[in-house]
Amino acid sequence: MSEGAAREVARLRSGRFTLLYWALVFFVVALVAAVLGFGGIAAGAASIAKILFIVFLVLFLVSLVMGLMKRGPGRA
């Protein structure tokens, strides 16, 4: 693994992007399982990845709205 890739993995696992990291892990597991012919495992991993990604999106949007509300009107 290159130094840049190792640094990116360390950043993802640092806690700021943990939910997105696990969604990506389950997505990769689903892809590998599908290629190897394990349909049930692939479907389960894909479902988990989809749920984690949706939770990530919801939390991101809530965080974005709260940050905009904290700033107040008229501030750029």
PDB file of N, CA and C in Angstrom:
ATOM      1  N   MET A   1       0.858  -1.176   0.000  1.00  0.00           N
ATOM      2  CA  MET A   1       0.000   0.000   0.000  1.00  0.00           C
ATOM      3  C   MET A   1       0.894   1.225   0.000  1.00  0.00           C
ATOM      4  N   SER A   2       0.575   2.191  -0.844  1.00  0.00           N
ATOM      5  CA  SER A   2       1.392   3.393  -0.916  1.00  0.00           C
ATOM      6  C   SER A   2       1.200   4.252   0.332  1.00  0.00           C
ATOM      7  N   GLU A   3       2.111   5.181   0.522  1.00  0.00           N
ATOM      8  CA  GLU A   3       2.046   6.036   1.707  1.00  0.00           C
ATOM      9  C   GLU A   3       0.796   6.911   1.692  1.00  0.00           C
ATOM     10  N   GLY A   4       0.413   7.400   0.511  1.00  0.00           N
ATOM     11  CA  GLY A   4      -0.787   8.233   0.402  1.00  0.00           C
ATOM     12  C   GLY A   4      -2.054   7.454   0.724  1.00  0.00           C
ATOM     13  N   ALA A   5      -2.115   6.217   0.242  1.00  0.00           N
ATOM     14  CA  ALA A   5      -3.284   5.385   0.523  1.00  0.00           C
ATOM     15  C   ALA A   5      -3.356   5.037   2.001  1.00  0.00           C
ATOM     16  N   ALA A   6      -2.212   4.743   2.605  1.00  0.00           N
ATOM     17  CA  ALA A   6      -2.184   4.423   4.033  1.00  0.00           C
ATOM     18  C   ALA A   6      -2.615   5.624   4.867  1.00  0.00           C
ATOM     19  N   ARG A   7      -2.192   6.808   4.447  1.00  0.00           N
ATOM     20  CA  ARG A   7      -2.587   8.027   5.167  1.00  0.00           C
ATOM     21  C   ARG A   7      -4.098   8.272   5.033  1.00  0.00           C
ATOM     22  N   GLU A   8      -4.643   7.986   3.845  1.00  0.00           N
ATOM     23  CA  GLU A   8      -6.084   8.174   3.630  1.00  0.00           C
ATOM     24  C   GLU A   8      -6.894   7.193   4.476  1.00  0.00           C
ATOM     25  N   VAL A   9      -6.440   5.944   4.563  1.00  0.00           N
ATOM     26  CA  VAL A   9      -7.126   4.955   5.399  1.00  0.00           C
ATOM     27  C   VAL A   9      -7.063   5.376   6.861  1.00  0.00           C
ATOM     28  N   ALA A  10      -5.910   5.871   7.302  1.00  0.00           N
ATOM     29  CA  ALA A  10      -5.775   6.329   8.691  1.00  0.00           C
ATOM     30  C   ALA A  10      -6.705   7.508   8.960  1.00  0.00           C
ATOM     31  N   ARG A  11      -6.851   8.409   7.989  1.00  0.00           N
ATOM     32  CA  ARG A  11      -7.750   9.555   8.165  1.00  0.00           C
ATOM     33  C   ARG A  11      -9.199   9.098   8.239  1.00  0.00           C
ATOM     34  N   LEU A  12      -9.561   8.133   7.396  1.00  0.00           N
ATOM     35  CA  LEU A  12     -10.935   7.641   7.412  1.00  0.00           C
ATOM     36  C   LEU A  12     -11.253   6.932   8.720  1.00  0.00           C
ATOM     37  N   ARG A  13     -10.284   6.215   9.271  1.00  0.00           N
ATOM     38  CA  ARG A  13     -10.523   5.470  10.499  1.00  0.00           C
ATOM     39  C   ARG A  13     -10.321   6.319  11.745  1.00  0.00           C
ATOM     40  N   SER A  14      -9.968   7.596  11.579  1.00  0.00           N
ATOM     41  CA  SER A  14      -9.689   8.458  12.725  1.00  0.00           C
ATOM     42  C   SER A  14     -10.943   8.835  13.498  1.00  0.00           C
ATOM     43  N   GLY A  15     -12.103   8.592  12.946  1.00  0.00           N
ATOM     44  CA  GLY A  15     -13.326   8.893  13.663  1.00  0.00           C
ATOM     45  C   GLY A  15     -14.201   9.904  12.959  1.00  0.00           C
ATOM     46  N   ARG A  16     -13.625  10.698  12.096  1.00  0.00           N
ATOM     47  CA  ARG A  16     -14.416  11.723  11.420  1.00  0.00           C
ATOM     48  C   ARG A  16     -15.302  11.122  10.341  1.00  0.00           C
ATOM     49  N   PHE A  17     -14.835  10.068   9.691  1.00  0.00           N
ATOM     50  CA  PHE A  17     -15.581   9.472   8.590  1.00  0.00           C
ATOM     51  C   PHE A  17     -15.827   7.988   8.826  1.00  0.00           C
ATOM     52  N   THR A  18     -15.989   7.590  10.071  1.00  0.00           N
ATOM     53  CA  THR A  18     -16.107   6.174  10.407  1.00  0.00           C
ATOM     54  C   THR A  18     -17.310   5.531   9.735  1.00  0.00           C
ATOM     55  N   LEU A  19     -18.440   6.201   9.744  1.00  0.00           N
ATOM     56  CA  LEU A  19     -19.652   5.635   9.156  1.00  0.00           C
ATOM     57  C   LEU A  19     -19.485   5.432   7.655  1.00  0.00           C
ATOM     58  N   LEU A  20     -18.911   6.403   6.993  1.00  0.00           N
ATOM     59  CA  LEU A  20     -18.676   6.291   5.559  1.00  0.00           C
ATOM     60  C   LEU A  20     -17.638   5.201   5.266  1.00  0.00           C
ATOM     61  N   TYR A  21     -16.643   5.079   6.116  1.00  0.00           N
ATOM     62  CA  TYR A  21     -15.628   4.025   5.965  1.00  0.00           C
ATOM     63  C   TYR A  21     -16.279   2.644   6.007  1.00  0.00           C
ATOM     64  N   TRP A  22     -17.146   2.416   6.992  1.00  0.00           N
ATOM     65  CA  TRP A  22     -17.781   1.096   7.109  1.00  0.00           C
ATOM     66  C   TRP A  22     -18.752   0.845   5.965  1.00  0.00           C
ATOM     67  N   ALA A  23     -19.414   1.876   5.480  1.00  0.00           N
ATOM     68  CA  ALA A  23     -20.283   1.706   4.314  1.00  0.00           C
ATOM     69  C   ALA A  23     -19.455   1.258   3.111  1.00  0.00           C
ATOM     70  N   LEU A  24     -18.291   1.857   2.946  1.00  0.00           N
ATOM     71  CA  LEU A  24     -17.409   1.475   1.847  1.00  0.00           C
ATOM     72  C   LEU A  24     -16.894   0.051   2.029  1.00  0.00           C
ATOM     73  N   VAL A  25     -16.555  -0.341   3.251  1.00  0.00           N
ATOM     74  CA  VAL A  25     -16.090  -1.700   3.517  1.00  0.00           C
ATOM     75  C   VAL A  25     -17.167  -2.717   3.152  1.00  0.00           C
ATOM     76  N   PHE A  26     -18.402  -2.478   3.575  1.00  0.00           N
ATOM     77  CA  PHE A  26     -19.480  -3.414   3.249  1.00  0.00           C
ATOM     78  C   PHE A  26     -19.772  -3.435   1.756  1.00  0.00           C
ATOM     79  N   PHE A  27     -19.604  -2.306   1.080  1.00  0.00           N
ATOM     80  CA  PHE A  27     -19.795  -2.267  -0.363  1.00  0.00           C
ATOM     81  C   PHE A  27     -18.754  -3.133  -1.063  1.00  0.00           C
ATOM     82  N   VAL A  28     -17.515  -3.031  -0.628  1.00  0.00           N
ATOM     83  CA  VAL A  28     -16.448  -3.852  -1.220  1.00  0.00           C
ATOM     84  C   VAL A  28     -16.692  -5.330  -0.929  1.00  0.00           C
ATOM     85  N   VAL A  29     -17.122  -5.649   0.283  1.00  0.00           N
ATOM     86  CA  VAL A  29     -17.448  -7.042   0.619  1.00  0.00           C
ATOM     87  C   VAL A  29     -18.573  -7.549  -0.285  1.00  0.00           C
ATOM     88  N   ALA A  30     -19.566  -6.715  -0.530  1.00  0.00           N
ATOM     89  CA  ALA A  30     -20.673  -7.106  -1.407  1.00  0.00           C
ATOM     90  C   ALA A  30     -20.180  -7.354  -2.830  1.00  0.00           C
ATOM     91  N   LEU A  31     -19.293  -6.496  -3.315  1.00  0.00           N
ATOM     92  CA  LEU A  31     -18.763  -6.693  -4.666  1.00  0.00           C
ATOM     93  C   LEU A  31     -17.954  -7.986  -4.777  1.00  0.00           C
ATOM     94  N   VAL A  32     -17.113  -8.237  -3.797  1.00  0.00           N
ATOM     95  CA  VAL A  32     -16.289  -9.453  -3.832  1.00  0.00           C
ATOM     96  C   VAL A  32     -17.179 -10.686  -3.725  1.00  0.00           C
ATOM     97  N   ALA A  33     -18.157 -10.660  -2.848  1.00  0.00           N
ATOM     98  CA  ALA A  33     -19.058 -11.801  -2.692  1.00  0.00           C
ATOM     99  C   ALA A  33     -19.860 -12.038  -3.970  1.00  0.00           C
ATOM    100  N   ALA A  34     -20.273 -10.968  -4.627  1.00  0.00           N
ATOM    101  CA  ALA A  34     -21.031 -11.118  -5.867  1.00  0.00           C
ATOM    102  C   ALA A  34     -20.163 -11.725  -6.963  1.00  0.00           C
ATOM    103  N   VAL A  35     -18.916 -11.286  -7.061  1.00  0.00           N
ATOM    104  CA  VAL A  35     -18.011 -11.831  -8.075  1.00  0.00           C
ATOM    105  C   VAL A  35     -17.750 -13.306  -7.825  1.00  0.00           C
ATOM    106  N   LEU A  36     -17.655 -13.696  -6.557  1.00  0.00           N
ATOM    107  CA  LEU A  36     -17.395 -15.094  -6.226  1.00  0.00           C
ATOM    108  C   LEU A  36     -18.660 -15.958  -6.231  1.00  0.00           C
ATOM    109  N   GLY A  37     -19.814 -15.346  -6.448  1.00  0.00           N
ATOM    110  CA  GLY A  37     -21.041 -16.118  -6.576  1.00  0.00           C
ATOM    111  C   GLY A  37     -21.821 -16.326  -5.297  1.00  0.00           C
ATOM    112  N   PHE A  38     -21.501 -15.615  -4.248  1.00  0.00           N
ATOM    113  CA  PHE A  38     -22.236 -15.721  -2.987  1.00  0.00           C
ATOM    114  C   PHE A  38     -23.336 -14.657  -2.975  1.00  0.00           C
ATOM    115  N   GLY A  39     -24.458 -14.965  -3.601  1.00  0.00           N
ATOM    116  CA  GLY A  39     -25.524 -13.982  -3.776  1.00  0.00           C
ATOM    117  C   GLY A  39     -26.154 -13.514  -2.485  1.00  0.00           C
ATOM    118  N   GLY A  40     -26.376 -14.426  -1.553  1.00  0.00           N
ATOM    119  CA  GLY A  40     -27.016 -14.053  -0.288  1.00  0.00           C
ATOM    120  C   GLY A  40     -26.140 -13.133   0.543  1.00  0.00           C
ATOM    121  N   ILE A  41     -24.857 -13.455   0.610  1.00  0.00           N
ATOM    122  CA  ILE A  41     -23.924 -12.617   1.363  1.00  0.00           C
ATOM    123  C   ILE A  41     -23.786 -11.263   0.690  1.00  0.00           C
ATOM    124  N   ALA A  42     -23.736 -11.265  -0.637  1.00  0.00           N
ATOM    125  CA  ALA A  42     -23.615 -10.012  -1.383  1.00  0.00           C
ATOM    126  C   ALA A  42     -24.825  -9.123  -1.147  1.00  0.00           C
ATOM    127  N   ALA A  43     -26.007  -9.704  -1.147  1.00  0.00           N
ATOM    128  CA  ALA A  43     -27.226  -8.921  -0.927  1.00  0.00           C
ATOM    129  C   ALA A  43     -27.261  -8.357   0.488  1.00  0.00           C
ATOM    130  N   GLY A  44     -26.861  -9.163   1.456  1.00  0.00           N
ATOM    131  CA  GLY A  44     -26.840  -8.692   2.843  1.00  0.00           C
ATOM    132  C   GLY A  44     -25.837  -7.573   3.055  1.00  0.00           C
ATOM    133  N   ALA A  45     -24.637  -7.734   2.515  1.00  0.00           N
ATOM    134  CA  ALA A  45     -23.613  -6.700   2.657  1.00  0.00           C
ATOM    135  C   ALA A  45     -24.021  -5.429   1.927  1.00  0.00           C
ATOM    136  N   ALA A  46     -24.648  -5.567   0.767  1.00  0.00           N
ATOM    137  CA  ALA A  46     -25.105  -4.396   0.022  1.00  0.00           C
ATOM    138  C   ALA A  46     -26.204  -3.661   0.794  1.00  0.00           C
ATOM    139  N   SER A  47     -27.085  -4.406   1.445  1.00  0.00           N
ATOM    140  CA  SER A  47     -28.142  -3.777   2.244  1.00  0.00           C
ATOM    141  C   SER A  47     -27.555  -3.007   3.423  1.00  0.00           C
ATOM    142  N   ILE A  48     -26.591  -3.601   4.088  1.00  0.00           N
ATOM    143  CA  ILE A  48     -25.943  -2.922   5.211  1.00  0.00           C
ATOM    144  C   ILE A  48     -25.229  -1.670   4.726  1.00  0.00           C
ATOM    145  N   ALA A  49     -24.518  -1.776   3.591  1.00  0.00           N
ATOM    146  CA  ALA A  49     -23.812  -0.618   3.043  1.00  0.00           C
ATOM    147  C   ALA A  49     -24.789   0.496   2.693  1.00  0.00           C
ATOM    148  N   LYS A  50     -25.936   0.133   2.130  1.00  0.00           N
ATOM    149  CA  LYS A  50     -26.932   1.145   1.760  1.00  0.00           C
ATOM    150  C   LYS A  50     -27.493   1.839   3.002  1.00  0.00           C
ATOM    151  N   ILE A  51     -27.783   1.079   4.041  1.00  0.00           N
ATOM    152  CA  ILE A  51     -28.314   1.662   5.276  1.00  0.00           C
ATOM    153  C   ILE A  51     -27.290   2.597   5.911  1.00  0.00           C
ATOM    154  N   LEU A  52     -26.037   2.156   5.983  1.00  0.00           N
ATOM    155  CA  LEU A  52     -24.987   3.005   6.571  1.00  0.00           C
ATOM    156  C   LEU A  52     -24.796   4.283   5.768  1.00  0.00           C
ATOM    157  N   PHE A  53     -24.857   4.181   4.445  1.00  0.00           N
ATOM    158  CA  PHE A  53     -24.683   5.370   3.604  1.00  0.00           C
ATOM    159  C   PHE A  53     -25.847   6.341   3.784  1.00  0.00           C
ATOM    160  N   ILE A  54     -27.061   5.833   3.903  1.00  0.00           N
ATOM    161  CA  ILE A  54     -28.227   6.704   4.111  1.00  0.00           C
ATOM    162  C   ILE A  54     -28.133   7.388   5.470  1.00  0.00           C
ATOM    163  N   VAL A  55     -27.722   6.643   6.493  1.00  0.00           N
ATOM    164  CA  VAL A  55     -27.539   7.248   7.817  1.00  0.00           C
ATOM    165  C   VAL A  55     -26.468   8.335   7.747  1.00  0.00           C
ATOM    166  N   PHE A  56     -25.371   8.064   7.030  1.00  0.00           N
ATOM    167  CA  PHE A  56     -24.328   9.066   6.853  1.00  0.00           C
ATOM    168  C   PHE A  56     -24.886  10.321   6.188  1.00  0.00           C
ATOM    169  N   LEU A  57     -25.667  10.155   5.118  1.00  0.00           N
ATOM    170  CA  LEU A  57     -26.233  11.313   4.423  1.00  0.00           C
ATOM    171  C   LEU A  57     -27.153  12.126   5.327  1.00  0.00           C
ATOM    172  N   VAL A  58     -27.996  11.445   6.087  1.00  0.00           N
ATOM    173  CA  VAL A  58     -28.911  12.139   6.990  1.00  0.00           C
ATOM    174  C   VAL A  58     -28.132  12.929   8.039  1.00  0.00           C
ATOM    175  N   LEU A  59     -27.137  12.288   8.655  1.00  0.00           N
ATOM    176  CA  LEU A  59     -26.339  12.981   9.659  1.00  0.00           C
ATOM    177  C   LEU A  59     -25.548  14.141   9.058  1.00  0.00           C
ATOM    178  N   PHE A  60     -25.065  13.967   7.841  1.00  0.00           N
ATOM    179  CA  PHE A  60     -24.355  15.048   7.165  1.00  0.00           C
ATOM    180  C   PHE A  60     -25.281  16.237   6.915  1.00  0.00           C
ATOM    181  N   LEU A  61     -26.489  15.972   6.422  1.00  0.00           N
ATOM    182  CA  LEU A  61     -27.432  17.062   6.157  1.00  0.00           C
ATOM    183  C   LEU A  61     -27.859  17.770   7.434  1.00  0.00           C
ATOM    184  N   VAL A  62     -28.086  17.007   8.502  1.00  0.00           N
ATOM    185  CA  VAL A  62     -28.435  17.623   9.784  1.00  0.00           C
ATOM    186  C   VAL A  62     -27.285  18.498  10.272  1.00  0.00           C
ATOM    187  N   SER A  63     -26.062  17.999  10.154  1.00  0.00           N
ATOM    188  CA  SER A  63     -24.897  18.771  10.559  1.00  0.00           C
ATOM    189  C   SER A  63     -24.755  20.040   9.721  1.00  0.00           C
ATOM    190  N   LEU A  64     -25.007  19.920   8.437  1.00  0.00           N
ATOM    191  CA  LEU A  64     -24.918  21.076   7.544  1.00  0.00           C
ATOM    192  C   LEU A  64     -25.952  22.131   7.907  1.00  0.00           C
ATOM    193  N   VAL A  65     -27.188  21.724   8.137  1.00  0.00           N
ATOM    194  CA  VAL A  65     -28.251  22.667   8.497  1.00  0.00           C
ATOM    195  C   VAL A  65     -27.969  23.307   9.849  1.00  0.00           C
ATOM    196  N   MET A  66     -27.512  22.514  10.813  1.00  0.00           N
ATOM    197  CA  MET A  66     -27.208  23.075  12.130  1.00  0.00           C
ATOM    198  C   MET A  66     -26.057  24.076  12.046  1.00  0.00           C
ATOM    199  N   GLY A  67     -25.073  23.794  11.215  1.00  0.00           N
ATOM    200  CA  GLY A  67     -23.970  24.725  11.033  1.00  0.00           C
ATOM    201  C   GLY A  67     -24.423  26.029  10.392  1.00  0.00           C
ATOM    202  N   LEU A  68     -25.332  25.934   9.441  1.00  0.00           N
ATOM    203  CA  LEU A  68     -25.851  27.142   8.802  1.00  0.00           C
ATOM    204  C   LEU A  68     -26.719  27.936   9.765  1.00  0.00           C
ATOM    205  N   MET A  69     -27.476  27.254  10.610  1.00  0.00           N
ATOM    206  CA  MET A  69     -28.319  27.955  11.587  1.00  0.00           C
ATOM    207  C   MET A  69     -27.464  28.613  12.664  1.00  0.00           C
ATOM    208  N   LYS A  70     -26.365  27.989  13.024  1.00  0.00           N
ATOM    209  CA  LYS A  70     -25.489  28.538  14.051  1.00  0.00           C
ATOM    210  C   LYS A  70     -24.820  29.830  13.579  1.00  0.00           C
ATOM    211  N   ARG A  71     -24.547  29.907  12.303  1.00  0.00           N
ATOM    212  CA  ARG A  71     -23.921  31.078  11.729  1.00  0.00           C
ATOM    213  C   ARG A  71     -24.824  32.303  11.803  1.00  0.00           C
ATOM    214  N   GLY A  72     -26.107  32.071  11.620  1.00  0.00           N
ATOM    215  CA  GLY A  72     -27.058  33.160  11.668  1.00  0.00           C
ATOM    216  C   GLY A  72     -27.263  33.794  10.296  1.00  0.00           C
ATOM    217  N   PRO A  73     -28.337  34.587  10.161  1.00  0.00           N
ATOM    218  CA  PRO A  73     -28.627  35.203   8.855  1.00  0.00           C
ATOM    219  C   PRO A  73     -27.667  36.349   8.563  1.00  0.00           C
ATOM    220  N   GLY A  74     -27.358  36.527   7.294  1.00  0.00           N
ATOM    221  CA  GLY A  74     -26.539  37.660   6.878  1.00  0.00           C
ATOM    222  C   GLY A  74     -25.055  37.440   6.940  1.00  0.00           C
ATOM    223  N   ARG A  75     -24.597  36.340   7.505  1.00  0.00           N
ATOM    224  CA  ARG A  75     -23.166  36.060   7.563  1.00  0.00           C
ATOM    225  C   ARG A  75     -22.777  35.163   6.407  1.00  0.00           C
ATOM    226  N   ALA A  76     -21.648  35.422   5.848  1.00  0.00           N
ATOM    227  CA  ALA A  76     -21.201  34.600   4.707  1.00  0.00           C
ATOM    228  C   ALA A  76     -20.080  33.681   5.089  1.00  0.00           C
TER     229      ALA A  76
END
